Amino acid sequence: MNVLVTGASGQLGSEVGVRLQQQGHHVIMPGRDEMDFTSPETLMQCIRHHRPEQVVNCAAYTQVDRAESEPDTAFAVNRDAPGRLAEAVAENGGSLLHVSTDFVFDGRRDTPWRETDKPDPLCVYGRSKLAGEQAVMQVLPDATVLRTAWVYGVNGHNFVKTILRVARDGKPLRVVDDQVGTPTWSSDIADVIARLLADGATGLYHYTNAGKTSWYGFARAILEEAAVQGFEIRTVEVTPIGTADWPTPAVRPAFSVLDTGKIESRLSLSIPAWRDSLKKMLRDLYTCADCL
C-alpha cells in the first residue's frame, strides 16, 4: 500500500514511517518544502502528485503555551490544514488517519475520558486540535481519528529528554504533581496506527499506554530508570509542586487519562504499562549518540 505520512521528521511521524516501511508498505514522507501546513495549497499539490491510498497525519502545531499568543498559526496548522488535507484525500479517493490529543477535554473529573464524552478544551492548542478533528470528519466521515496523550520518544523534543538534560547538568527539578495522565511511547502509538490501518478501522479511538501518573511521578520514574540504564544523572531529587506554583500561559487539563477500552476491543490489544515502555525507550535512547 502507498502511505503518505505527514510530520515524518517528528517524534511520532518518524516512528510511523519506519514501522510501515518494515511492514512492506511504500511510504512517502514529504518534507516541509513539499508539504507546508501553513500553506494549504501545498497539501493538495502533494496529494495529487503522490496519490497515496492512505494518509497518516502526524503533523501538528504542538507549542501549547506559544499557541496562546499565536492562535492564528495554531488554528491554521491544527484546523485549517487537516481540513484541506481531508479534501485532498477525498478528491484522491484515499483514506485518512488523523492524530489528535487529550487536550480536547477539560480534565475536570477523575475518571478516564471515553470517545463518547463531550470535549471542552481549556486552551488555544486544545481548541485548535478539536477543530481539526471536526474539520476532518466533516469532509471524510469515514476517517480515523486517534487521540493520544503525553507523547515521548527517541526523536524530537519531549519531557523525557528535557528531564534527562536537566539531570545531567545537575540542575534542580521542580515538577507539577497535580496534573495526571498517561505517558505514552511514540513507538507504541506507531504500532497501533499500523494495526488500525491493517484492520481498516474508522471512527474515533483513544490510545495511550496503560496506567496513570503525574508529571512529578513521571519525572521520578525517568530518573530512576535512566540511572539503571547508565545515563549520567547528577540530579536525583525531584520537588513536587502544584500547578499554581508553575503558572503557564495555557491552562492544562488536571486529569487527562483516556479510556482505551474501545481500541483494545477492536484490535484485541494488550497495552503495555507506561513504565515498561519508558524502560524500552530509554534503552533505545542510550544507544543513540545524537538523540539527547
C-alpha atoms as a PDB file:
ATOM      1  CA  MET A   1       0.000   0.000   0.000  1.00  0.00           C
ATOM      2  CA  ASN A   2       1.171   3.524  -0.752  1.00  0.00           C
ATOM      3  CA  VAL A   3       1.079   5.516   2.510  1.00  0.00           C
ATOM      4  CA  LEU A   4       1.916   9.182   2.948  1.00  0.00           C
ATOM      5  CA  VAL A   5       2.983  10.234   6.450  1.00  0.00           C
ATOM      6  CA  THR A   6       2.928  13.907   7.381  1.00  0.00           C
ATOM      7  CA  GLY A   7       5.168  15.239  10.140  1.00  0.00           C
ATOM      8  CA  ALA A   8       7.622  12.481   9.344  1.00  0.00           C
ATOM      9  CA  SER A   9      10.532  14.325  10.940  1.00  0.00           C
ATOM     10  CA  GLY A  10       8.763  14.488  14.319  1.00  0.00           C
ATOM     11  CA  GLN A  11       8.829  12.032  17.194  1.00  0.00           C
ATOM     12  CA  LEU A  12       5.642  10.224  16.141  1.00  0.00           C
ATOM     13  CA  GLY A  13       5.739  10.611  12.375  1.00  0.00           C
ATOM     14  CA  SER A  14       9.266   9.237  12.171  1.00  0.00           C
ATOM     15  CA  GLU A  15       8.229   6.130  14.118  1.00  0.00           C
ATOM     16  CA  VAL A  16       5.142   5.626  11.952  1.00  0.00           C
ATOM     17  CA  GLY A  17       7.153   5.895   8.766  1.00  0.00           C
ATOM     18  CA  VAL A  18       9.694   3.309   9.907  1.00  0.00           C
ATOM     19  CA  ARG A  19       7.034   0.915  11.167  1.00  0.00           C
ATOM     20  CA  LEU A  20       5.062   0.972   7.930  1.00  0.00           C
ATOM     21  CA  GLN A  21       8.222   0.514   5.873  1.00  0.00           C
ATOM     22  CA  GLN A  22       9.092  -2.521   7.995  1.00  0.00           C
ATOM     23  CA  GLN A  23       5.696  -3.963   7.109  1.00  0.00           C
ATOM     24  CA  GLY A  24       6.404  -3.651   3.399  1.00  0.00           C
ATOM     25  CA  HIS A  25       4.400  -0.536   2.587  1.00  0.00           C
ATOM     26  CA  HIS A  26       5.658   2.088   0.181  1.00  0.00           C
ATOM     27  CA  VAL A  27       5.955   5.088   2.494  1.00  0.00           C
ATOM     28  CA  ILE A  28       6.103   8.682   1.295  1.00  0.00           C
ATOM     29  CA  MET A  29       7.463  11.150   3.872  1.00  0.00           C
ATOM     30  CA  PRO A  30       7.386  14.641   2.367  1.00  0.00           C
ATOM     31  CA  GLY A  31       9.412  17.402   3.964  1.00  0.00           C
ATOM     32  CA  ARG A  32       8.143  20.885   4.718  1.00  0.00           C
ATOM     33  CA  ASP A  33       9.464  22.139   1.383  1.00  0.00           C
ATOM     34  CA  GLU A  34       6.921  19.874  -0.333  1.00  0.00           C
ATOM     35  CA  MET A  35       4.088  19.906   2.208  1.00  0.00           C
ATOM     36  CA  ASP A  36       3.825  23.060   4.323  1.00  0.00           C
ATOM     37  CA  PHE A  37       0.933  23.072   6.787  1.00  0.00           C
ATOM     38  CA  THR A  38       0.955  26.871   6.850  1.00  0.00           C
ATOM     39  CA  SER A  39       0.427  26.869   3.056  1.00  0.00           C
ATOM     40  CA  PRO A  40      -2.686  24.745   2.420  1.00  0.00           C
ATOM     41  CA  GLU A  41      -2.251  24.765  -1.364  1.00  0.00           C
ATOM     42  CA  THR A  42       0.892  22.623  -0.973  1.00  0.00           C
ATOM     43  CA  LEU A  43      -1.155  19.891   0.708  1.00  0.00           C
ATOM     44  CA  MET A  44      -3.415  19.477  -2.302  1.00  0.00           C
ATOM     45  CA  GLN A  45      -0.472  19.571  -4.688  1.00  0.00           C
ATOM     46  CA  CYS A  46       1.420  16.908  -2.739  1.00  0.00           C
ATOM     47  CA  ILE A  47      -1.540  14.532  -2.560  1.00  0.00           C
ATOM     48  CA  ARG A  48      -2.284  14.979  -6.251  1.00  0.00           C
ATOM     49  CA  HIS A  49       1.357  14.282  -7.093  1.00  0.00           C
ATOM     50  CA  HIS A  50       1.834  11.142  -4.970  1.00  0.00           C
ATOM     51  CA  ARG A  51      -1.764   9.809  -4.997  1.00  0.00           C
ATOM     52  CA  PRO A  52      -1.414   7.784  -1.778  1.00  0.00           C
ATOM     53  CA  GLU A  53      -4.011   5.208  -0.836  1.00  0.00           C
ATOM     54  CA  GLN A  54      -3.623   6.112   2.833  1.00  0.00           C
ATOM     55  CA  VAL A  55      -2.529   9.303   4.606  1.00  0.00           C
ATOM     56  CA  VAL A  56      -1.439   9.365   8.252  1.00  0.00           C
ATOM     57  CA  ASN A  57      -1.440  12.911   9.606  1.00  0.00           C
ATOM     58  CA  CYS A  58       1.099  13.258  12.411  1.00  0.00           C
ATOM     59  CA  ALA A  59       1.841  16.934  11.706  1.00  0.00           C
ATOM     60  CA  ALA A  60       0.664  19.495  14.251  1.00  0.00           C
ATOM     61  CA  TYR A  61       1.406  22.773  15.974  1.00  0.00           C
ATOM     62  CA  THR A  62       2.305  21.458  19.441  1.00  0.00           C
ATOM     63  CA  GLN A  63       3.718  24.511  21.216  1.00  0.00           C
ATOM     64  CA  VAL A  64       0.963  24.570  23.841  1.00  0.00           C
ATOM     65  CA  ASP A  65       1.960  27.790  25.599  1.00  0.00           C
ATOM     66  CA  ARG A  66       3.052  29.657  22.487  1.00  0.00           C
ATOM     67  CA  ALA A  67      -0.329  28.929  20.917  1.00  0.00           C
ATOM     68  CA  GLU A  68      -1.903  31.354  23.379  1.00  0.00           C
ATOM     69  CA  SER A  69      -0.061  34.209  21.674  1.00  0.00           C
ATOM     70  CA  GLU A  70      -0.141  32.633  18.180  1.00  0.00           C
ATOM     71  CA  PRO A  71      -3.744  31.443  17.835  1.00  0.00           C
ATOM     72  CA  ASP A  72      -3.918  32.155  14.106  1.00  0.00           C
ATOM     73  CA  THR A  73      -0.928  29.925  13.431  1.00  0.00           C
ATOM     74  CA  ALA A  74      -2.191  27.192  15.771  1.00  0.00           C
ATOM     75  CA  PHE A  75      -5.589  27.106  14.042  1.00  0.00           C
ATOM     76  CA  ALA A  76      -4.032  27.301  10.585  1.00  0.00           C
ATOM     77  CA  VAL A  77      -1.902  24.214  11.254  1.00  0.00           C
ATOM     78  CA  ASN A  78      -4.226  22.228  13.524  1.00  0.00           C
ATOM     79  CA  ARG A  79      -7.634  23.040  11.978  1.00  0.00           C
ATOM     80  CA  ASP A  80      -7.364  24.517   8.505  1.00  0.00           C
ATOM     81  CA  ALA A  81      -4.580  22.292   7.203  1.00  0.00           C
ATOM     82  CA  PRO A  82      -6.196  18.986   8.313  1.00  0.00           C
ATOM     83  CA  GLY A  83      -9.438  20.132   6.682  1.00  0.00           C
ATOM     84  CA  ARG A  84      -7.664  20.846   3.402  1.00  0.00           C
ATOM     85  CA  LEU A  85      -5.743  17.588   3.724  1.00  0.00           C
ATOM     86  CA  ALA A  86      -9.043  15.731   4.106  1.00  0.00           C
ATOM     87  CA  GLU A  87     -10.370  17.462   0.979  1.00  0.00           C
ATOM     88  CA  ALA A  88      -7.292  16.374  -0.950  1.00  0.00           C
ATOM     89  CA  VAL A  89      -7.597  12.795   0.299  1.00  0.00           C
ATOM     90  CA  ALA A  90     -11.297  12.724  -0.581  1.00  0.00           C
ATOM     91  CA  GLU A  91     -10.555  14.007  -4.089  1.00  0.00           C
ATOM     92  CA  ASN A  92      -7.923  11.299  -4.479  1.00  0.00           C
ATOM     93  CA  GLY A  93     -10.229   8.542  -3.224  1.00  0.00           C
ATOM     94  CA  GLY A  94      -7.919   7.603  -0.348  1.00  0.00           C
ATOM     95  CA  SER A  95      -8.246   7.199   3.425  1.00  0.00           C
ATOM     96  CA  LEU A  96      -7.029   9.396   6.275  1.00  0.00           C
ATOM     97  CA  LEU A  97      -5.906   8.710   9.834  1.00  0.00           C
ATOM     98  CA  HIS A  98      -5.588  11.899  11.877  1.00  0.00           C
ATOM     99  CA  VAL A  99      -3.770  12.086  15.218  1.00  0.00           C
ATOM    100  CA  SER A 100      -5.281  14.217  17.982  1.00  0.00           C
ATOM    101  CA  THR A 101      -4.876  14.823  21.714  1.00  0.00           C
ATOM    102  CA  ASP A 102      -6.173  14.525  25.261  1.00  0.00           C
ATOM    103  CA  PHE A 103      -6.236  18.341  25.389  1.00  0.00           C
ATOM    104  CA  VAL A 104      -9.694  18.307  23.814  1.00  0.00           C
ATOM    105  CA  PHE A 105     -11.023  17.569  27.338  1.00  0.00           C
ATOM    106  CA  ASP A 106     -11.156  19.936  30.307  1.00  0.00           C
ATOM    107  CA  GLY A 107      -9.816  17.381  32.817  1.00  0.00           C
ATOM    108  CA  ARG A 108     -12.378  18.342  35.454  1.00  0.00           C
ATOM    109  CA  ARG A 109     -13.138  14.842  36.693  1.00  0.00           C
ATOM    110  CA  ASP A 110     -11.182  11.832  37.898  1.00  0.00           C
ATOM    111  CA  THR A 111     -12.390   9.036  35.615  1.00  0.00           C
ATOM    112  CA  PRO A 112     -10.897   8.178  32.208  1.00  0.00           C
ATOM    113  CA  TRP A 113     -12.289  10.017  29.206  1.00  0.00           C
ATOM    114  CA  ARG A 114     -14.228   7.988  26.646  1.00  0.00           C
ATOM    115  CA  GLU A 115     -14.707   8.703  22.964  1.00  0.00           C
ATOM    116  CA  THR A 116     -18.363   9.485  23.674  1.00  0.00           C
ATOM    117  CA  ASP A 117     -17.578  12.184  26.270  1.00  0.00           C
ATOM    118  CA  LYS A 118     -18.180  15.786  25.246  1.00  0.00           C
ATOM    119  CA  PRO A 119     -14.935  17.688  24.570  1.00  0.00           C
ATOM    120  CA  ASP A 120     -14.403  21.034  26.285  1.00  0.00           C
ATOM    121  CA  PRO A 121     -10.822  22.247  25.691  1.00  0.00           C
ATOM    122  CA  LEU A 122      -9.292  24.812  28.038  1.00  0.00           C
ATOM    123  CA  CYS A 123      -6.647  26.393  25.817  1.00  0.00           C
ATOM    124  CA  VAL A 124      -5.975  27.511  22.258  1.00  0.00           C
ATOM    125  CA  TYR A 125      -3.994  24.364  21.462  1.00  0.00           C
ATOM    126  CA  GLY A 126      -6.837  22.112  22.630  1.00  0.00           C
ATOM    127  CA  ARG A 127      -9.467  24.135  20.783  1.00  0.00           C
ATOM    128  CA  SER A 128      -7.426  24.083  17.582  1.00  0.00           C
ATOM    129  CA  LYS A 129      -6.955  20.315  17.775  1.00  0.00           C
ATOM    130  CA  LEU A 130     -10.657  19.721  18.402  1.00  0.00           C
ATOM    131  CA  ALA A 131     -11.498  21.959  15.448  1.00  0.00           C
ATOM    132  CA  GLY A 132      -9.085  19.873  13.364  1.00  0.00           C
ATOM    133  CA  GLU A 133     -10.876  16.657  14.286  1.00  0.00           C
ATOM    134  CA  GLN A 134     -14.187  18.233  13.311  1.00  0.00           C
ATOM    135  CA  ALA A 135     -12.828  19.567  10.030  1.00  0.00           C
ATOM    136  CA  VAL A 136     -11.518  16.123   9.073  1.00  0.00           C
ATOM    137  CA  MET A 137     -14.704  14.273   9.981  1.00  0.00           C
ATOM    138  CA  GLN A 138     -16.899  16.815   8.200  1.00  0.00           C
ATOM    139  CA  VAL A 139     -15.104  16.149   4.923  1.00  0.00           C
ATOM    140  CA  LEU A 140     -14.357  12.440   5.490  1.00  0.00           C
ATOM    141  CA  PRO A 141     -16.934  10.829   7.806  1.00  0.00           C
ATOM    142  CA  ASP A 142     -15.084   7.518   7.400  1.00  0.00           C
ATOM    143  CA  ALA A 143     -11.745   8.932   8.506  1.00  0.00           C
ATOM    144  CA  THR A 144      -9.959   7.606  11.590  1.00  0.00           C
ATOM    145  CA  VAL A 145      -9.148   9.982  14.446  1.00  0.00           C
ATOM    146  CA  LEU A 146      -6.746   8.713  17.091  1.00  0.00           C
ATOM    147  CA  ARG A 147      -6.392  10.693  20.318  1.00  0.00           C
ATOM    148  CA  THR A 148      -3.327  10.093  22.450  1.00  0.00           C
ATOM    149  CA  ALA A 149      -1.519  11.845  25.307  1.00  0.00           C
ATOM    150  CA  TRP A 150       1.803  12.731  26.944  1.00  0.00           C
ATOM    151  CA  VAL A 151       3.782  11.512  23.958  1.00  0.00           C
ATOM    152  CA  TYR A 152       7.550  10.994  24.147  1.00  0.00           C
ATOM    153  CA  GLY A 153      10.100   9.193  22.008  1.00  0.00           C
ATOM    154  CA  VAL A 154      13.714   8.906  20.951  1.00  0.00           C
ATOM    155  CA  ASN A 155      13.205  11.517  18.240  1.00  0.00           C
ATOM    156  CA  GLY A 156      12.084  15.115  18.650  1.00  0.00           C
ATOM    157  CA  HIS A 157      11.645  17.255  21.757  1.00  0.00           C
ATOM    158  CA  ASN A 158       9.771  15.855  24.738  1.00  0.00           C
ATOM    159  CA  PHE A 159       9.509  15.700  28.526  1.00  0.00           C
ATOM    160  CA  VAL A 160      11.756  12.654  28.958  1.00  0.00           C
ATOM    161  CA  LYS A 161      14.680  14.200  27.120  1.00  0.00           C
ATOM    162  CA  THR A 162      14.221  17.523  28.899  1.00  0.00           C
ATOM    163  CA  ILE A 163      14.333  15.841  32.310  1.00  0.00           C
ATOM    164  CA  LEU A 164      17.453  13.900  31.327  1.00  0.00           C
ATOM    165  CA  ARG A 165      19.258  17.011  30.120  1.00  0.00           C
ATOM    166  CA  VAL A 166      18.441  18.916  33.317  1.00  0.00           C
ATOM    167  CA  ALA A 167      19.520  15.961  35.473  1.00  0.00           C
ATOM    168  CA  ARG A 168      22.745  15.543  33.515  1.00  0.00           C
ATOM    169  CA  ASP A 169      23.593  19.187  34.227  1.00  0.00           C
ATOM    170  CA  GLY A 170      22.809  18.788  37.928  1.00  0.00           C
ATOM    171  CA  LYS A 171      20.133  21.472  37.932  1.00  0.00           C
ATOM    172  CA  PRO A 172      17.195  21.393  40.398  1.00  0.00           C
ATOM    173  CA  LEU A 173      13.941  19.808  39.266  1.00  0.00           C
ATOM    174  CA  ARG A 174      10.532  21.125  40.340  1.00  0.00           C
ATOM    175  CA  VAL A 175       7.695  19.289  38.632  1.00  0.00           C
ATOM    176  CA  VAL A 176       3.906  19.596  38.796  1.00  0.00           C
ATOM    177  CA  ASP A 177       2.231  16.851  40.836  1.00  0.00           C
ATOM    178  CA  ASP A 178      -1.454  17.713  40.394  1.00  0.00           C
ATOM    179  CA  GLN A 179      -1.827  17.029  36.665  1.00  0.00           C
ATOM    180  CA  VAL A 180      -2.473  13.346  35.973  1.00  0.00           C
ATOM    181  CA  GLY A 181      -2.252  11.458  32.706  1.00  0.00           C
ATOM    182  CA  THR A 182      -0.538   8.574  30.940  1.00  0.00           C
ATOM    183  CA  PRO A 183       2.962   8.829  29.435  1.00  0.00           C
ATOM    184  CA  THR A 184       2.830   7.179  26.022  1.00  0.00           C
ATOM    185  CA  TRP A 185       5.752   5.981  23.913  1.00  0.00           C
ATOM    186  CA  SER A 186       5.620   7.046  20.275  1.00  0.00           C
ATOM    187  CA  SER A 187       6.799   3.592  19.192  1.00  0.00           C
ATOM    188  CA  ASP A 188       3.727   2.007  20.776  1.00  0.00           C
ATOM    189  CA  ILE A 189       1.475   4.559  19.078  1.00  0.00           C
ATOM    190  CA  ALA A 190       3.117   3.754  15.751  1.00  0.00           C
ATOM    191  CA  ASP A 191       2.374   0.055  16.270  1.00  0.00           C
ATOM    192  CA  VAL A 192      -1.273   0.843  16.953  1.00  0.00           C
ATOM    193  CA  ILE A 193      -1.553   3.100  13.919  1.00  0.00           C
ATOM    194  CA  ALA A 194      -0.177   0.307  11.732  1.00  0.00           C
ATOM    195  CA  ARG A 195      -2.745  -2.070  13.218  1.00  0.00           C
ATOM    196  CA  LEU A 196      -5.594   0.374  12.667  1.00  0.00           C
ATOM    197  CA  LEU A 197      -4.619   0.688   9.011  1.00  0.00           C
ATOM    198  CA  ALA A 198      -4.399  -3.077   8.586  1.00  0.00           C
ATOM    199  CA  ASP A 199      -7.761  -3.505  10.278  1.00  0.00           C
ATOM    200  CA  GLY A 200      -9.477  -0.857   8.174  1.00  0.00           C
ATOM    201  CA  ALA A 201     -10.886   0.721  11.333  1.00  0.00           C
ATOM    202  CA  THR A 202     -12.678   4.062  11.016  1.00  0.00           C
ATOM    203  CA  GLY A 203     -14.076   6.487  13.549  1.00  0.00           C
ATOM    204  CA  LEU A 204     -12.739   7.897  16.819  1.00  0.00           C
ATOM    205  CA  TYR A 205     -10.375   5.986  19.130  1.00  0.00           C
ATOM    206  CA  HIS A 206      -8.315   6.677  22.239  1.00  0.00           C
ATOM    207  CA  TYR A 207      -4.895   5.121  22.764  1.00  0.00           C
ATOM    208  CA  THR A 208      -2.263   5.563  25.460  1.00  0.00           C
ATOM    209  CA  ASN A 209      -0.041   3.222  27.386  1.00  0.00           C
ATOM    210  CA  ALA A 210      -1.653   1.626  30.437  1.00  0.00           C
ATOM    211  CA  GLY A 211      -1.785   3.194  33.879  1.00  0.00           C
ATOM    212  CA  LYS A 212      -1.503   6.767  35.080  1.00  0.00           C
ATOM    213  CA  THR A 213       0.809   9.094  36.960  1.00  0.00           C
ATOM    214  CA  SER A 214       1.516  12.780  37.492  1.00  0.00           C
ATOM    215  CA  TRP A 215       4.248  14.759  35.766  1.00  0.00           C
ATOM    216  CA  TYR A 216       6.157  14.537  39.066  1.00  0.00           C
ATOM    217  CA  GLY A 217       5.732  10.768  39.148  1.00  0.00           C
ATOM    218  CA  PHE A 218       6.815  10.568  35.537  1.00  0.00           C
ATOM    219  CA  ALA A 219       9.938  12.651  36.241  1.00  0.00           C
ATOM    220  CA  ARG A 220      10.931  10.440  39.169  1.00  0.00           C
ATOM    221  CA  ALA A 221      10.469   7.309  37.072  1.00  0.00           C
ATOM    222  CA  ILE A 222      12.610   8.797  34.301  1.00  0.00           C
ATOM    223  CA  LEU A 223      15.500   9.446  36.694  1.00  0.00           C
ATOM    224  CA  GLU A 224      15.217   6.027  38.338  1.00  0.00           C
ATOM    225  CA  GLU A 225      15.078   4.077  35.083  1.00  0.00           C
ATOM    226  CA  ALA A 226      17.724   6.243  33.402  1.00  0.00           C
ATOM    227  CA  ALA A 227      20.151   5.578  36.253  1.00  0.00           C
ATOM    228  CA  VAL A 228      19.647   1.832  35.738  1.00  0.00           C
ATOM    229  CA  GLN A 229      20.381   2.260  32.016  1.00  0.00           C
ATOM    230  CA  GLY A 230      23.644   4.079  32.745  1.00  0.00           C
ATOM    231  CA  PHE A 231      22.730   7.676  31.940  1.00  0.00           C
ATOM    232  CA  GLU A 232      24.716  10.357  33.740  1.00  0.00           C
ATOM    233  CA  ILE A 233      22.345  11.612  36.444  1.00  0.00           C
ATOM    234  CA  ARG A 234      23.575  14.389  38.731  1.00  0.00           C
ATOM    235  CA  THR A 235      20.151  15.472  39.936  1.00  0.00           C
ATOM    236  CA  VAL A 236      18.460  12.729  41.937  1.00  0.00           C
ATOM    237  CA  GLU A 237      15.765  14.633  43.823  1.00  0.00           C
ATOM    238  CA  VAL A 238      12.571  15.989  42.307  1.00  0.00           C
ATOM    239  CA  THR A 239      10.456  18.524  44.197  1.00  0.00           C
ATOM    240  CA  PRO A 240       6.685  18.162  43.709  1.00  0.00           C
ATOM    241  CA  ILE A 241       4.813  21.415  43.163  1.00  0.00           C
ATOM    242  CA  GLY A 242       1.257  22.457  42.335  1.00  0.00           C
ATOM    243  CA  THR A 243       0.054  23.881  39.049  1.00  0.00           C
ATOM    244  CA  ALA A 244      -0.386  27.227  40.793  1.00  0.00           C
ATOM    245  CA  ASP A 245       3.343  27.220  41.600  1.00  0.00           C
ATOM    246  CA  TRP A 246       4.256  26.865  37.923  1.00  0.00           C
ATOM    247  CA  PRO A 247       1.970  29.273  36.047  1.00  0.00           C
ATOM    248  CA  THR A 248       1.862  28.889  32.270  1.00  0.00           C
ATOM    249  CA  PRO A 249       0.072  30.851  29.549  1.00  0.00           C
ATOM    250  CA  ALA A 250      -2.041  27.810  28.601  1.00  0.00           C
ATOM    251  CA  VAL A 251      -4.421  26.104  31.029  1.00  0.00           C
ATOM    252  CA  ARG A 252      -3.861  22.365  31.052  1.00  0.00           C
ATOM    253  CA  PRO A 253      -6.324  19.592  31.993  1.00  0.00           C
ATOM    254  CA  ALA A 254      -5.811  18.312  35.543  1.00  0.00           C
ATOM    255  CA  PHE A 255      -6.913  14.768  34.674  1.00  0.00           C
ATOM    256  CA  SER A 256      -6.421  13.622  31.094  1.00  0.00           C
ATOM    257  CA  VAL A 257      -6.344   9.833  31.366  1.00  0.00           C
ATOM    258  CA  LEU A 258      -8.007   8.354  28.277  1.00  0.00           C
ATOM    259  CA  ASP A 259     -10.214   5.265  28.302  1.00  0.00           C
ATOM    260  CA  THR A 260      -8.730   2.783  25.818  1.00  0.00           C
ATOM    261  CA  GLY A 261     -11.420   0.108  26.038  1.00  0.00           C
ATOM    262  CA  LYS A 262     -12.772   0.712  22.538  1.00  0.00           C
ATOM    263  CA  ILE A 263      -9.463   0.261  20.740  1.00  0.00           C
ATOM    264  CA  GLU A 264      -8.472  -2.669  22.968  1.00  0.00           C
ATOM    265  CA  SER A 265     -11.653  -4.444  21.969  1.00  0.00           C
ATOM    266  CA  ARG A 266     -11.388  -3.553  18.290  1.00  0.00           C
ATOM    267  CA  LEU A 267      -7.769  -4.688  17.873  1.00  0.00           C
ATOM    268  CA  SER A 268      -7.578  -7.281  20.681  1.00  0.00           C
ATOM    269  CA  LEU A 269      -4.776  -5.208  22.191  1.00  0.00           C
ATOM    270  CA  SER A 270      -2.666  -5.939  25.222  1.00  0.00           C
ATOM    271  CA  ILE A 271      -1.469  -2.425  26.045  1.00  0.00           C
ATOM    272  CA  PRO A 272       1.963  -2.078  27.680  1.00  0.00           C
ATOM    273  CA  ALA A 273       2.224  -0.341  31.055  1.00  0.00           C
ATOM    274  CA  TRP A 274       3.660   3.158  30.719  1.00  0.00           C
ATOM    275  CA  ARG A 275       6.698   2.418  32.881  1.00  0.00           C
ATOM    276  CA  ASP A 276       7.578  -0.729  30.921  1.00  0.00           C
ATOM    277  CA  SER A 277       7.535   1.290  27.707  1.00  0.00           C
ATOM    278  CA  LEU A 278       9.620   4.011  29.336  1.00  0.00           C
ATOM    279  CA  LYS A 279      12.314   1.429  30.106  1.00  0.00           C
ATOM    280  CA  LYS A 280      12.383   0.304  26.473  1.00  0.00           C
ATOM    281  CA  MET A 281      12.547   3.857  25.169  1.00  0.00           C
ATOM    282  CA  LEU A 282      15.454   4.691  27.490  1.00  0.00           C
ATOM    283  CA  ARG A 283      17.354   1.624  26.281  1.00  0.00           C
ATOM    284  CA  ASP A 284      16.941   2.857  22.691  1.00  0.00           C
ATOM    285  CA  LEU A 285      17.869   6.414  23.655  1.00  0.00           C
ATOM    286  CA  TYR A 286      21.008   5.305  25.470  1.00  0.00           C
ATOM    287  CA  THR A 287      22.364   3.731  22.287  1.00  0.00           C
ATOM    288  CA  CYS A 288      21.585   6.802  20.156  1.00  0.00           C
ATOM    289  CA  ALA A 289      24.595   9.106  20.334  1.00  0.00           C
ATOM    290  CA  ASP A 290      22.938  12.222  18.917  1.00  0.00           C
ATOM    291  CA  CYS A 291      19.360  11.843  20.153  1.00  0.00           C
ATOM    292  CA  LEU A 292      19.555  13.510  23.569  1.00  0.00           C
END
